[in-house]
Amino acid sequence: MLIRKEEDLDEIKTEIFDAAIGFETERSLEAKKTHSQRLLQARRAIEQRREEAELQTYFDQDSWFDE
């Protein structure tokens, strides 16, 4: 919806324009939030996997006697 500079906006057109812009902004923020949550979950999963691999030698009783 393009609005010419010389066109006067009445109250209804202004409200519709503001609502459309607000909707796009809200949708963009929601997408960013979802993306951030996915990245955080992935990061936590990677950290948990590394921690489990590091601690696996302590859980494996056969490796206790290798040293």
C-alpha atoms as a PDB file:
ATOM      1  CA  MET A   1       0.000   0.000   0.000  1.00  0.00           C
ATOM      2  CA  LEU A   2       1.889   3.012  -1.248  1.00  0.00           C
ATOM      3  CA  ILE A   3       0.745   6.441  -0.190  1.00  0.00           C
ATOM      4  CA  ARG A   4       1.617   9.504  -2.170  1.00  0.00           C
ATOM      5  CA  LYS A   5       3.140  12.369  -0.238  1.00  0.00           C
ATOM      6  CA  GLU A   6       0.579  14.822  -1.501  1.00  0.00           C
ATOM      7  CA  GLU A   7      -2.325  12.610  -0.475  1.00  0.00           C
ATOM      8  CA  ASP A   8      -3.927  13.627   2.794  1.00  0.00           C
ATOM      9  CA  LEU A   9      -4.568  10.712   5.075  1.00  0.00           C
ATOM     10  CA  ASP A  10      -7.860  10.578   6.812  1.00  0.00           C
ATOM     11  CA  GLU A  11      -8.156   8.934  10.200  1.00  0.00           C
ATOM     12  CA  ILE A  12      -9.312   5.565   8.853  1.00  0.00           C
ATOM     13  CA  LYS A  13      -6.474   5.275   6.349  1.00  0.00           C
ATOM     14  CA  THR A  14      -4.002   6.213   9.061  1.00  0.00           C
ATOM     15  CA  GLU A  15      -5.357   3.557  11.425  1.00  0.00           C
ATOM     16  CA  ILE A  16      -5.261   0.902   8.696  1.00  0.00           C
ATOM     17  CA  PHE A  17      -1.705   1.857   7.789  1.00  0.00           C
ATOM     18  CA  ASP A  18      -0.594   1.815  11.443  1.00  0.00           C
ATOM     19  CA  ALA A  19      -2.256  -1.578  11.969  1.00  0.00           C
ATOM     20  CA  ALA A  20      -0.534  -3.042   8.918  1.00  0.00           C
ATOM     21  CA  ILE A  21       2.870  -1.739   9.996  1.00  0.00           C
ATOM     22  CA  GLY A  22       2.282  -2.934  13.568  1.00  0.00           C
ATOM     23  CA  PHE A  23       1.328  -6.395  12.327  1.00  0.00           C
ATOM     24  CA  GLU A  24       4.488  -6.675  10.232  1.00  0.00           C
ATOM     25  CA  THR A  25       6.639  -5.497  13.131  1.00  0.00           C
ATOM     26  CA  GLU A  26       5.014  -7.956  15.528  1.00  0.00           C
ATOM     27  CA  ARG A  27       5.431 -10.814  13.072  1.00  0.00           C
ATOM     28  CA  SER A  28       9.092  -9.934  12.572  1.00  0.00           C
ATOM     29  CA  LEU A  29       9.736  -9.839  16.318  1.00  0.00           C
ATOM     30  CA  GLU A  30       7.981 -13.185  16.774  1.00  0.00           C
ATOM     31  CA  ALA A  31      10.152 -14.735  14.052  1.00  0.00           C
ATOM     32  CA  LYS A  32      13.307 -13.402  15.719  1.00  0.00           C
ATOM     33  CA  LYS A  33      12.174 -14.759  19.078  1.00  0.00           C
ATOM     34  CA  THR A  34      11.473 -18.203  17.611  1.00  0.00           C
ATOM     35  CA  HIS A  35      14.853 -18.222  15.869  1.00  0.00           C
ATOM     36  CA  SER A  36      16.635 -17.276  19.086  1.00  0.00           C
ATOM     37  CA  GLN A  37      14.867 -20.036  20.997  1.00  0.00           C
ATOM     38  CA  ARG A  38      15.876 -22.611  18.392  1.00  0.00           C
ATOM     39  CA  LEU A  39      19.500 -21.492  18.526  1.00  0.00           C
ATOM     40  CA  LEU A  40      19.493 -21.692  22.315  1.00  0.00           C
ATOM     41  CA  GLN A  41      18.038 -25.213  22.248  1.00  0.00           C
ATOM     42  CA  ALA A  42      20.653 -26.302  19.718  1.00  0.00           C
ATOM     43  CA  ARG A  43      23.452 -24.774  21.774  1.00  0.00           C
ATOM     44  CA  ARG A  44      22.218 -26.529  24.913  1.00  0.00           C
ATOM     45  CA  ALA A  45      21.971 -29.859  23.078  1.00  0.00           C
ATOM     46  CA  ILE A  46      25.555 -29.508  21.837  1.00  0.00           C
ATOM     47  CA  GLU A  47      26.794 -28.655  25.330  1.00  0.00           C
ATOM     48  CA  GLN A  48      24.928 -31.606  26.818  1.00  0.00           C
ATOM     49  CA  ARG A  49      26.361 -33.965  24.195  1.00  0.00           C
ATOM     50  CA  ARG A  50      29.915 -32.767  24.896  1.00  0.00           C
ATOM     51  CA  GLU A  51      29.406 -33.093  28.628  1.00  0.00           C
ATOM     52  CA  GLU A  52      28.049 -36.638  28.265  1.00  0.00           C
ATOM     53  CA  ALA A  53      30.994 -37.623  26.063  1.00  0.00           C
ATOM     54  CA  GLU A  54      33.436 -36.164  28.580  1.00  0.00           C
ATOM     55  CA  LEU A  55      31.806 -37.931  31.504  1.00  0.00           C
ATOM     56  CA  GLN A  56      31.341 -41.233  29.677  1.00  0.00           C
ATOM     57  CA  THR A  57      34.725 -42.498  30.895  1.00  0.00           C
ATOM     58  CA  TYR A  58      33.570 -42.085  34.488  1.00  0.00           C
ATOM     59  CA  PHE A  59      30.417 -44.080  33.818  1.00  0.00           C
ATOM     60  CA  ASP A  60      32.206 -46.868  31.956  1.00  0.00           C
ATOM     61  CA  GLN A  61      33.559 -49.086  34.743  1.00  0.00           C
ATOM     62  CA  ASP A  62      35.783 -51.082  32.398  1.00  0.00           C
ATOM     63  CA  SER A  63      37.861 -47.990  31.634  1.00  0.00           C
ATOM     64  CA  TRP A  64      38.603 -47.482  35.346  1.00  0.00           C
ATOM     65  CA  PHE A  65      41.064 -50.338  35.277  1.00  0.00           C
ATOM     66  CA  ASP A  66      42.805 -49.310  32.046  1.00  0.00           C
ATOM     67  CA  GLU A  67      45.010 -46.764  33.789  1.00  0.00           C
END
